[in-house]
Amino acid sequence: MRVTVDTNILVSATFWCGASDIIISQAESKSIQLILSEEIIKEYSNVLEYKEIQDKIKDKDIEMKRTVKKIISISTIIAPKEKINIVKDDSDNNKILECAKAGNVDYIVSNDKHLLKLGKFENIPIVTPEEFLKKSEK
């Protein structure tokens, strides 16, 4: 099963246990194929450098369970050719749709309200991590 995840899923799986972590663990074990784009990796890398995240790591002695290199190593990185402009309220989310379409994925997994509001994109279901885990168990 081919899956594109939003940056929020990657960040969540980097620091916390839960549904997002399970999904990334599935990619590590090759139960699913994680399809990401260079733009998603760049955004993930940038978010990990935010001062607020760096402060939390330092202040609370939080350890990053995964790094950008690890995510790249377990993913298929693609370069979408087509630009999409469907999510008007938060145009950064369009890169997720571009990746999903170019990568011919089965699911888009996100916690972002703008993406979830779409429900699906070109017959690709857009689901929360919890919904994805329920569907992938079947």
Protein backbone atom coordinates (compact mmCIF):
# COMPACT_ATOMS: atom_id res chain seq x y z
CA MET A 1 0.00 0.00 0.00
CA ARG A 2 1.35 3.39 -1.05
CA VAL A 3 0.83 6.28 1.38
CA THR A 4 1.66 9.99 1.47
CA VAL A 5 1.68 11.59 4.90
CA ASP A 6 1.49 15.25 5.78
CA THR A 7 4.36 16.94 7.58
CA ASN A 8 2.37 16.98 10.83
CA ILE A 9 2.38 13.18 10.80
CA LEU A 10 6.16 13.10 10.38
CA VAL A 11 6.68 15.60 13.21
CA SER A 12 4.31 13.73 15.52
CA ALA A 13 6.06 10.42 14.81
CA THR A 14 9.42 12.05 15.51
CA PHE A 15 8.57 12.93 19.10
CA TRP A 16 5.58 10.96 20.33
CA CYS A 17 4.10 7.48 20.38
CA GLY A 18 0.66 7.04 18.86
CA ALA A 19 -1.03 6.47 15.53
CA SER A 20 1.44 8.60 13.52
CA ASP A 21 4.35 6.70 15.06
CA ILE A 22 2.73 3.37 14.16
CA ILE A 23 2.32 4.47 10.53
CA ILE A 24 5.97 5.47 10.23
CA SER A 25 6.94 2.20 11.91
CA GLN A 26 4.93 0.40 9.22
CA ALA A 27 7.04 2.20 6.62
CA GLU A 28 10.20 1.18 8.46
CA SER A 29 9.10 -2.45 8.42
CA LYS A 30 8.04 -2.14 4.76
CA SER A 31 4.38 -2.98 5.55
CA ILE A 32 3.50 0.18 3.64
CA GLN A 33 5.39 2.25 1.10
CA LEU A 34 5.87 5.86 2.18
CA ILE A 35 5.78 8.23 -0.81
CA LEU A 36 7.11 11.72 -0.11
CA SER A 37 8.37 14.62 -2.20
CA GLU A 38 11.45 16.75 -1.82
CA GLU A 39 9.15 19.63 -0.80
CA ILE A 40 7.61 17.60 2.04
CA ILE A 41 11.08 16.57 3.26
CA LYS A 42 12.22 20.21 3.11
CA GLU A 43 9.20 21.36 5.14
CA TYR A 44 9.75 18.58 7.69
CA SER A 45 13.40 19.55 8.03
CA ASN A 46 12.48 23.23 8.46
CA VAL A 47 9.87 22.46 11.12
CA LEU A 48 12.41 20.46 13.14
CA GLU A 49 14.63 23.55 13.15
CA TYR A 50 11.91 25.86 14.57
CA LYS A 51 13.14 27.57 17.71
CA GLU A 52 10.06 26.43 19.64
CA ILE A 53 10.80 22.78 18.79
CA GLN A 54 14.50 23.13 19.53
CA ASP A 55 13.63 24.72 22.90
CA LYS A 56 11.23 21.87 23.75
CA ILE A 57 13.86 19.29 22.92
CA LYS A 58 16.42 21.06 25.07
CA ASP A 59 14.13 22.12 27.95
CA LYS A 60 12.27 18.84 28.31
CA ASP A 61 15.11 16.56 27.31
CA ILE A 62 13.00 15.16 24.48
CA GLU A 63 14.84 12.91 22.10
CA MET A 64 14.08 12.80 18.41
CA LYS A 65 13.08 9.23 17.61
CA ARG A 66 13.56 9.85 13.93
CA THR A 67 15.51 12.32 11.87
CA VAL A 68 15.21 13.65 8.36
CA LYS A 69 17.84 11.15 7.15
CA LYS A 70 15.89 8.25 8.65
CA ILE A 71 12.63 9.38 7.02
CA ILE A 72 14.38 9.72 3.66
CA SER A 73 15.89 6.25 4.03
CA ILE A 74 12.47 4.60 4.50
CA SER A 75 10.67 6.61 1.82
CA THR A 76 10.38 6.74 -1.92
CA ILE A 77 11.11 10.37 -2.79
CA ILE A 78 9.45 11.67 -5.93
CA ALA A 79 9.47 14.97 -7.80
CA PRO A 80 5.92 15.89 -8.84
CA LYS A 81 5.74 17.68 -12.17
CA GLU A 82 2.20 19.05 -11.89
CA LYS A 83 1.33 22.00 -9.65
CA ILE A 84 -2.04 21.78 -7.93
CA ASN A 85 -3.96 24.68 -6.38
CA ILE A 86 -6.98 23.15 -4.67
CA VAL A 87 -6.40 24.05 -1.00
CA LYS A 88 -6.93 27.81 -1.03
CA ASP A 89 -7.02 28.38 2.75
CA ASP A 90 -3.56 26.86 3.27
CA SER A 91 -1.72 26.58 -0.03
CA ASP A 92 1.24 24.76 1.58
CA ASN A 93 -1.00 21.70 1.66
CA ASN A 94 -1.10 21.52 -2.11
CA LYS A 95 2.35 19.89 -2.07
CA ILE A 96 0.79 16.90 -0.28
CA LEU A 97 -1.80 16.53 -3.05
CA GLU A 98 0.87 16.94 -5.74
CA CYS A 99 2.96 14.19 -4.16
CA ALA A 100 0.00 11.86 -3.70
CA LYS A 101 -1.10 12.23 -7.31
CA ALA A 102 2.38 11.87 -8.79
CA GLY A 103 3.11 8.94 -6.49
CA ASN A 104 -0.12 7.15 -7.34
CA VAL A 105 -0.83 6.55 -3.65
CA ASP A 106 -3.69 4.68 -2.02
CA TYR A 107 -4.09 7.07 0.94
CA ILE A 108 -3.19 10.54 2.13
CA VAL A 109 -2.78 10.63 5.91
CA SER A 110 -3.06 13.96 7.70
CA ASN A 111 -4.33 15.74 10.77
CA ASP A 112 -4.68 19.00 8.85
CA LYS A 113 -8.27 20.29 8.80
CA HIS A 114 -7.89 21.80 5.32
CA LEU A 115 -6.92 18.46 3.79
CA LEU A 116 -9.36 16.40 5.87
CA LYS A 117 -12.19 18.70 4.77
CA LEU A 118 -11.60 17.56 1.18
CA GLY A 119 -12.30 13.94 2.18
CA LYS A 120 -10.63 12.67 -0.98
CA PHE A 121 -8.57 13.94 -3.86
CA GLU A 122 -8.79 12.27 -7.27
CA ASN A 123 -10.25 9.16 -5.62
CA ILE A 124 -7.47 9.07 -3.00
CA PRO A 125 -9.02 9.03 0.49
CA ILE A 126 -7.68 11.65 2.90
CA VAL A 127 -7.84 10.23 6.42
CA THR A 128 -6.53 10.77 9.93
CA PRO A 129 -3.82 8.44 11.23
CA GLU A 130 -6.38 6.61 13.37
CA GLU A 131 -8.71 6.10 10.39
CA PHE A 132 -5.83 4.85 8.27
CA LEU A 133 -4.83 2.29 10.89
CA LYS A 134 -8.39 0.97 11.08
CA LYS A 135 -8.57 0.66 7.29
CA SER A 136 -5.12 -0.91 6.94
CA GLU A 137 -5.95 -3.62 9.50
CA LYS A 138 -8.67 -4.99 7.24
